[in-house]
Amino acid sequence: MAAVTGNAIGSDDQFIRCQSPAPTPAEVETEYQRDVRKLVNFLSKLNPSAKEFFPSLHTARDGRKYDGRLSADAPIFVASTDYYGNGVTGNGGNKDSSSDGSSNSQPNRRRGSGYNQGWRKTKDRVRKAQTEESIRRTVYVSDIDQHVTEEKLAEIFATCGQVVDCRVCGDPNSVLRFAFIEFSDEDGARAALNLGGTMLGYYPVRVLPSKTAILPVNPKFLPRSDDEKEMVVRTVYCTNIDRKVTQTELKATFEQCCGEVSRLRLLGDNMHSTHIAFVEFLRAESAIVALNCTGMVLGALPIRSEVSKACWDEEMGMGEIIEKKGSMWATTGIIRKGKLCCHIEEILTRFKGKAVRFSGIDICRLLVGTCGRFGGRRGRLHVLQLYPTRRRGGIINEVAAFDTVDGVNDCCWSESHQSLAVSTLTDGTVKLWDVSLPPALNPVSHFCEHYDEARSVDWNPVSDCFLSASLDSQIKLWTPDRSNSSYTFQRHSDSVYSVAWNAIDPHVFASGDGTAGLWDVRDNRCFTVIHDEKTRELVSCGWNTYSQFHLATASGSSIHVWDIRTTRSPLVGFCGHDDTVCRIRFSPHQPSMLLSCSVDNTVRTWDWREVASIARYDLHTDRVYGIDMSVHIEGLIASAGWDNLVHIWRDRPVTATLSASP
């Protein structure tokens, strides 16, 4: 049967070949000549002096380098390591050509490559096993107070076992930090899990098994001798340096502010928009002073200085870079446009700024309320401290932060308790805070009687009580020791956007919707209503701290100052903003000075008696909702805007003519 099939196939082939006409001798000759010409043309392009390709670094068995001549006993191409005996096999490098495709007893090249891949896989498996074993010995610690150092944290966890490494890291979205702690064995890591809930500073820490291992530090970067350790103490690492700042300018700046610089290394490349530097001082005291220069502006950017954990190594051209990251950053000494303000500090918040208030008791403490864009959910109440430096101005630090489920619309300090503050939220609640307590114990009280968004709050300048105003058209009087309101004021028929106590008469307050209502808490009545035909929606009001009869109101882009004894027409009315005015404040130091902020991204100061603009500050890039002036430091102004920035500065008067509103 096989023979029949083979004959059949052969017959088919013969039949197919018979179907094509046989080429003539002339055609065969022509095709042959054409192929020969192609071969000659191809060979003519080759380099006649070229040697056989072979790596020159490889040597033969007798130690001689390859001389470039063709091998007479190599009928096929084989790898040089195999041909000259570098390959190792069980039979001395000789294999049967029929077993793996090689000839002339030459070992197969593919076998050598497979051997290298196997060695590489083995090495990867070893490295992976070591990493997994390191992960099992590591724990992840979160919610660490910013004042807890690596040394303190390692000392606490050393009770569970020997600590091999401890790394504390910053979180850009929180005032708290997290860390990775590696132990010498797995028993120590398991014992460390029991420390979850331990109070470190103001916060209970969370301890969980780590999912990653700590990346080891190259020991070449760390100081080894006593001289190098002493050098590290005198070295400061700086980042965020403007590319236009030269090494000479940077050195001169540090010498002027801190002390003599013995060596400075400024580094940068074309990949990054800023430079970094290692600054080595002659004395350790100068390095400590240099740490306070964080936020000092060089060129157009605020630098950040940090303790250096390694000195710059000229031979290696390397040094460990430590970049401090947190939820807020500060700058000092900015002069905006060189005219209107000087000695300004600015700080970045996570959410949109809605309110800012100076403390009436603590000289350099501020309260900042923030919320999501367009009053969205989530917010945060920031407690900021302004620290003076050797330069005029200061550095802002966030000393506390309290997260809220809903956005913060307004906030203010207690006038009788240094650590108490109150805020109104977009969900209608009013919350009382004790900023001396950790976030876990705050807020200390909730007030939940408003059924619509709570917009404004103000603490009485004498008594221990405060007012809140809401879009539900109600105003409520509260005391810190009661969960229910003391009284509800109902006269407004529209949403109430603002409420403010009289700075001189503590029994009188003002509120505003489409009108301004004046109230007396002694008989709980509204004794005066200010109507303005041009007023559509009164969003802010404030009392003059030098006169109990002068009230300022803001509606639209207009500002009016009233004498409440004669409310037929305002004393002064003017338009200075290009858009809606969000908040107004009288100066606590100058009776004729008024401060305002607006949706047009500006902050302005006015002399309302002269109907003149004192200054305009274009500090923000988005709408400004919060402003305040310090009671303790004359001319110190703070503003908070939707660009996530809080600015604090000293004003520099620049008078300009202001046209009165029609």
Foldseek 3Di string as FASTA:
>chain_A
DVVVVVVVVVVVVVVVVVVDDDDDPVVVVVVVVVVVVVVVVVVVPDDPPQFDDDDQVDAAPVRHTDPRHDDPPAPDDAHPCQVRQVDDDPVSQFDDCVPPPDPPRTHHRVVVVVVVVVVVVVVVVVVVVVFVQQLLQKKKKWQAAPPQDQVNVLVVLCVLAAWPDKDWAADQADNIIMMMIGHPHNSSLVSSQVQQQPDDPQDGMHMGRDPGGDDDDDCVQADDDPVFVQQLLQKKKKWPAAPVDDPVNVQVVLCVQQRHWPDKDWDDDPVDRIIMMITGHPDSRSLVLVQQQQQEDDDHTGMHMDRARGHQDPVVRDHDDDDHHYNKGKHFFDDPVVPWFTGKMKMFHDAFWFAKEDDPPDQFKMWTFGFHPPFAFKIKIWIWGFADGPDPHGIIDTPAMAIDGTGWQYKYAELPDRQWIWTFGQQGKIFICRRVHHNVCPDVAIAHDDRGGWHEKDYQNPDQKIWIFFQVQKIFIPHPVDNYTPDIQHDDPGGKQEKAAQLPDRQWIWIWFQWIFIAGNVVRDTPDIAHDPVRGTWREKEYQNVDSQWMWIFGWQKIFIDRRVDRPDTPAMAGDDPTGWQYKYHFLVDRQKIWTFFQSQKIWIDRRVQQWTFGIDNPGPGGWNYKDDGNVDPQWIWTTGRVSMIMITGTDTDIDGGDGDD
